[in-house]
Amino acid sequence: MTQMEVAYRYSNAPTEAEMRALDGMREVYGVRRVRFDEAKRIVRVEYDASRFKEPVMLALLRRAGINVGEKIASA
């Protein structure tokens, strides 16, 4: 298992429906954690890189309705 973290800026605070969709994202095997920094408008996703690549995480966030902008960092 290779743990990775990716962070993106987002434009609008998640709505209740989007937060419910993110709860479903947390159920995806290989997604470890989704965290928001509301003050900086950054969402961070920890995931198993042996199962997914970073574009898949981006697609899952967008599918949940998060208006994702620029990529901040990978670790």
N, C-alpha and C. Protein backbone atom coordinates (compact mmCIF):
# COMPACT_ATOMS: atom_id res chain seq x y z
N MET A 1 0.85 -1.17 0.00
CA MET A 1 0.00 0.00 0.00
C MET A 1 0.89 1.24 0.00
N THR A 2 0.61 2.16 -0.90
CA THR A 2 1.35 3.41 -1.02
C THR A 2 0.41 4.57 -0.71
N GLN A 3 0.59 5.19 0.42
CA GLN A 3 -0.28 6.30 0.82
C GLN A 3 0.15 7.60 0.15
N MET A 4 -0.81 8.29 -0.43
CA MET A 4 -0.56 9.59 -1.07
C MET A 4 -1.58 10.59 -0.55
N GLU A 5 -1.24 11.85 -0.68
CA GLU A 5 -2.19 12.92 -0.37
C GLU A 5 -2.12 13.94 -1.48
N VAL A 6 -3.28 14.40 -1.90
CA VAL A 6 -3.37 15.44 -2.90
C VAL A 6 -4.29 16.53 -2.34
N ALA A 7 -3.98 17.78 -2.68
CA ALA A 7 -4.78 18.90 -2.19
C ALA A 7 -5.16 19.81 -3.35
N TYR A 8 -6.38 20.32 -3.28
CA TYR A 8 -6.89 21.23 -4.31
C TYR A 8 -7.57 22.42 -3.64
N ARG A 9 -7.52 23.54 -4.33
CA ARG A 9 -8.35 24.68 -3.91
C ARG A 9 -9.76 24.43 -4.45
N TYR A 10 -10.73 24.93 -3.72
CA TYR A 10 -12.11 24.86 -4.19
C TYR A 10 -12.73 26.24 -4.04
N SER A 11 -13.77 26.52 -4.82
CA SER A 11 -14.31 27.88 -4.85
C SER A 11 -15.47 28.10 -3.89
N ASN A 12 -16.40 27.18 -3.81
CA ASN A 12 -17.58 27.37 -2.97
C ASN A 12 -17.59 26.35 -1.84
N ALA A 13 -18.05 26.78 -0.68
CA ALA A 13 -18.18 25.85 0.44
C ALA A 13 -19.15 24.74 0.05
N PRO A 14 -18.84 23.49 0.40
CA PRO A 14 -19.72 22.37 0.04
C PRO A 14 -21.10 22.51 0.68
N THR A 15 -22.11 22.17 -0.09
CA THR A 15 -23.47 22.17 0.42
C THR A 15 -23.71 20.88 1.19
N GLU A 16 -24.85 20.78 1.81
CA GLU A 16 -25.20 19.55 2.54
C GLU A 16 -25.23 18.34 1.60
N ALA A 17 -25.79 18.52 0.41
CA ALA A 17 -25.85 17.42 -0.56
C ALA A 17 -24.45 17.00 -0.99
N GLU A 18 -23.57 17.96 -1.19
CA GLU A 18 -22.18 17.64 -1.57
C GLU A 18 -21.45 16.92 -0.44
N MET A 19 -21.72 17.31 0.78
CA MET A 19 -21.09 16.62 1.92
C MET A 19 -21.58 15.17 2.01
N ARG A 20 -22.85 14.94 1.72
CA ARG A 20 -23.36 13.57 1.70
C ARG A 20 -22.68 12.77 0.59
N ALA A 21 -22.47 13.40 -0.56
CA ALA A 21 -21.79 12.72 -1.66
C ALA A 21 -20.34 12.41 -1.28
N LEU A 22 -19.70 13.30 -0.53
CA LEU A 22 -18.33 13.04 -0.06
C LEU A 22 -18.30 11.89 0.93
N ASP A 23 -19.34 11.75 1.74
CA ASP A 23 -19.42 10.60 2.64
C ASP A 23 -19.38 9.31 1.82
N GLY A 24 -20.06 9.31 0.69
CA GLY A 24 -20.01 8.15 -0.20
C GLY A 24 -18.63 7.93 -0.77
N MET A 25 -17.91 9.00 -1.04
CA MET A 25 -16.54 8.90 -1.54
C MET A 25 -15.64 8.23 -0.52
N ARG A 26 -15.88 8.49 0.74
CA ARG A 26 -15.08 7.88 1.80
C ARG A 26 -15.30 6.37 1.87
N GLU A 27 -16.40 5.90 1.30
CA GLU A 27 -16.69 4.47 1.28
C GLU A 27 -15.93 3.74 0.18
N VAL A 28 -15.33 4.48 -0.74
CA VAL A 28 -14.57 3.87 -1.84
C VAL A 28 -13.30 3.25 -1.25
N TYR A 29 -13.12 1.95 -1.52
CA TYR A 29 -11.95 1.26 -1.00
C TYR A 29 -10.69 1.90 -1.58
N GLY A 30 -9.81 2.35 -0.71
CA GLY A 30 -8.58 3.01 -1.12
C GLY A 30 -8.56 4.48 -0.77
N VAL A 31 -9.73 5.08 -0.53
CA VAL A 31 -9.79 6.47 -0.07
C VAL A 31 -9.71 6.44 1.44
N ARG A 32 -8.68 7.04 2.00
CA ARG A 32 -8.49 6.99 3.45
C ARG A 32 -9.18 8.14 4.18
N ARG A 33 -9.03 9.35 3.65
CA ARG A 33 -9.55 10.50 4.38
C ARG A 33 -9.79 11.66 3.41
N VAL A 34 -10.83 12.43 3.67
CA VAL A 34 -11.11 13.67 2.95
C VAL A 34 -11.24 14.76 4.01
N ARG A 35 -10.42 15.81 3.88
CA ARG A 35 -10.45 16.89 4.87
C ARG A 35 -10.58 18.24 4.17
N PHE A 36 -11.28 19.15 4.83
CA PHE A 36 -11.45 20.50 4.32
C PHE A 36 -10.79 21.50 5.25
N ASP A 37 -10.10 22.48 4.67
CA ASP A 37 -9.61 23.64 5.39
C ASP A 37 -10.47 24.79 4.88
N GLU A 38 -11.53 25.09 5.61
CA GLU A 38 -12.50 26.09 5.15
C GLU A 38 -11.89 27.48 5.04
N ALA A 39 -10.98 27.82 5.94
CA ALA A 39 -10.37 29.15 5.92
C ALA A 39 -9.54 29.37 4.65
N LYS A 40 -8.82 28.34 4.23
CA LYS A 40 -7.97 28.45 3.04
C LYS A 40 -8.64 27.92 1.78
N ARG A 41 -9.84 27.32 1.95
CA ARG A 41 -10.59 26.72 0.84
C ARG A 41 -9.75 25.66 0.12
N ILE A 42 -9.25 24.73 0.93
CA ILE A 42 -8.45 23.62 0.40
C ILE A 42 -9.09 22.30 0.84
N VAL A 43 -9.21 21.37 -0.08
CA VAL A 43 -9.67 20.02 0.24
C VAL A 43 -8.48 19.08 0.04
N ARG A 44 -8.25 18.20 1.01
CA ARG A 44 -7.15 17.23 0.94
C ARG A 44 -7.74 15.83 0.94
N VAL A 45 -7.17 14.98 0.10
CA VAL A 45 -7.61 13.59 0.01
C VAL A 45 -6.40 12.69 0.21
N GLU A 46 -6.50 11.80 1.19
CA GLU A 46 -5.49 10.76 1.38
C GLU A 46 -6.03 9.50 0.73
N TYR A 47 -5.18 8.82 -0.05
CA TYR A 47 -5.63 7.62 -0.76
C TYR A 47 -4.49 6.65 -0.97
N ASP A 48 -4.85 5.44 -1.35
CA ASP A 48 -3.90 4.38 -1.64
C ASP A 48 -3.51 4.47 -3.12
N ALA A 49 -2.30 4.91 -3.39
CA ALA A 49 -1.84 5.12 -4.76
C ALA A 49 -1.62 3.81 -5.51
N SER A 50 -1.60 2.69 -4.81
CA SER A 50 -1.48 1.41 -5.52
C SER A 50 -2.84 1.00 -6.12
N ARG A 51 -3.91 1.67 -5.70
CA ARG A 51 -5.25 1.39 -6.24
C ARG A 51 -5.73 2.46 -7.21
N PHE A 52 -5.36 3.72 -6.97
CA PHE A 52 -5.85 4.84 -7.77
C PHE A 52 -4.71 5.78 -8.14
N LYS A 53 -4.91 6.51 -9.20
CA LYS A 53 -4.02 7.61 -9.57
C LYS A 53 -4.71 8.92 -9.20
N GLU A 54 -3.96 9.98 -9.14
CA GLU A 54 -4.48 11.28 -8.71
C GLU A 54 -5.67 11.75 -9.55
N PRO A 55 -5.68 11.56 -10.88
CA PRO A 55 -6.85 12.01 -11.65
C PRO A 55 -8.17 11.35 -11.21
N VAL A 56 -8.10 10.15 -10.68
CA VAL A 56 -9.30 9.48 -10.19
C VAL A 56 -9.84 10.22 -8.96
N MET A 57 -8.95 10.67 -8.09
CA MET A 57 -9.39 11.43 -6.91
C MET A 57 -10.05 12.73 -7.34
N LEU A 58 -9.46 13.39 -8.33
CA LEU A 58 -10.04 14.62 -8.85
C LEU A 58 -11.43 14.36 -9.42
N ALA A 59 -11.58 13.28 -10.16
CA ALA A 59 -12.88 12.94 -10.74
C ALA A 59 -13.91 12.63 -9.65
N LEU A 60 -13.50 11.93 -8.59
CA LEU A 60 -14.43 11.63 -7.50
C LEU A 60 -14.89 12.90 -6.80
N LEU A 61 -13.98 13.85 -6.58
CA LEU A 61 -14.36 15.12 -5.97
C LEU A 61 -15.35 15.87 -6.86
N ARG A 62 -15.06 15.92 -8.13
CA ARG A 62 -15.96 16.63 -9.05
C ARG A 62 -17.31 15.94 -9.15
N ARG A 63 -17.31 14.62 -9.13
CA ARG A 63 -18.57 13.87 -9.18
C ARG A 63 -19.41 14.15 -7.93
N ALA A 64 -18.74 14.40 -6.81
CA ALA A 64 -19.46 14.73 -5.58
C ALA A 64 -20.00 16.16 -5.60
N GLY A 65 -19.59 16.94 -6.61
CA GLY A 65 -20.11 18.30 -6.74
C GLY A 65 -19.17 19.38 -6.24
N ILE A 66 -17.96 19.02 -5.85
CA ILE A 66 -17.01 20.01 -5.35
C ILE A 66 -16.40 20.73 -6.54
N ASN A 67 -16.44 22.07 -6.51
CA ASN A 67 -15.90 22.89 -7.60
C ASN A 67 -14.40 23.03 -7.38
N VAL A 68 -13.64 22.04 -7.86
CA VAL A 68 -12.22 21.95 -7.63
C VAL A 68 -11.47 22.83 -8.61
N GLY A 69 -10.48 23.54 -8.10
CA GLY A 69 -9.64 24.40 -8.94
C GLY A 69 -8.25 23.84 -9.06
N GLU A 70 -7.27 24.66 -8.73
CA GLU A 70 -5.88 24.28 -8.91
C GLU A 70 -5.42 23.23 -7.91
N LYS A 71 -4.48 22.39 -8.35
CA LYS A 71 -3.86 21.40 -7.48
C LYS A 71 -2.82 22.13 -6.63
N ILE A 72 -2.81 21.83 -5.35
CA ILE A 72 -1.89 22.50 -4.42
C ILE A 72 -0.64 21.66 -4.19
N ALA A 73 -0.80 20.40 -3.78
CA ALA A 73 0.37 19.60 -3.42
C ALA A 73 0.04 18.13 -3.47
N SER A 74 1.06 17.33 -3.64
CA SER A 74 0.99 15.89 -3.48
C SER A 74 2.05 15.50 -2.51
N ALA A 75 1.76 14.48 -1.69
CA ALA A 75 2.76 14.02 -0.74
C ALA A 75 2.83 12.52 -0.76
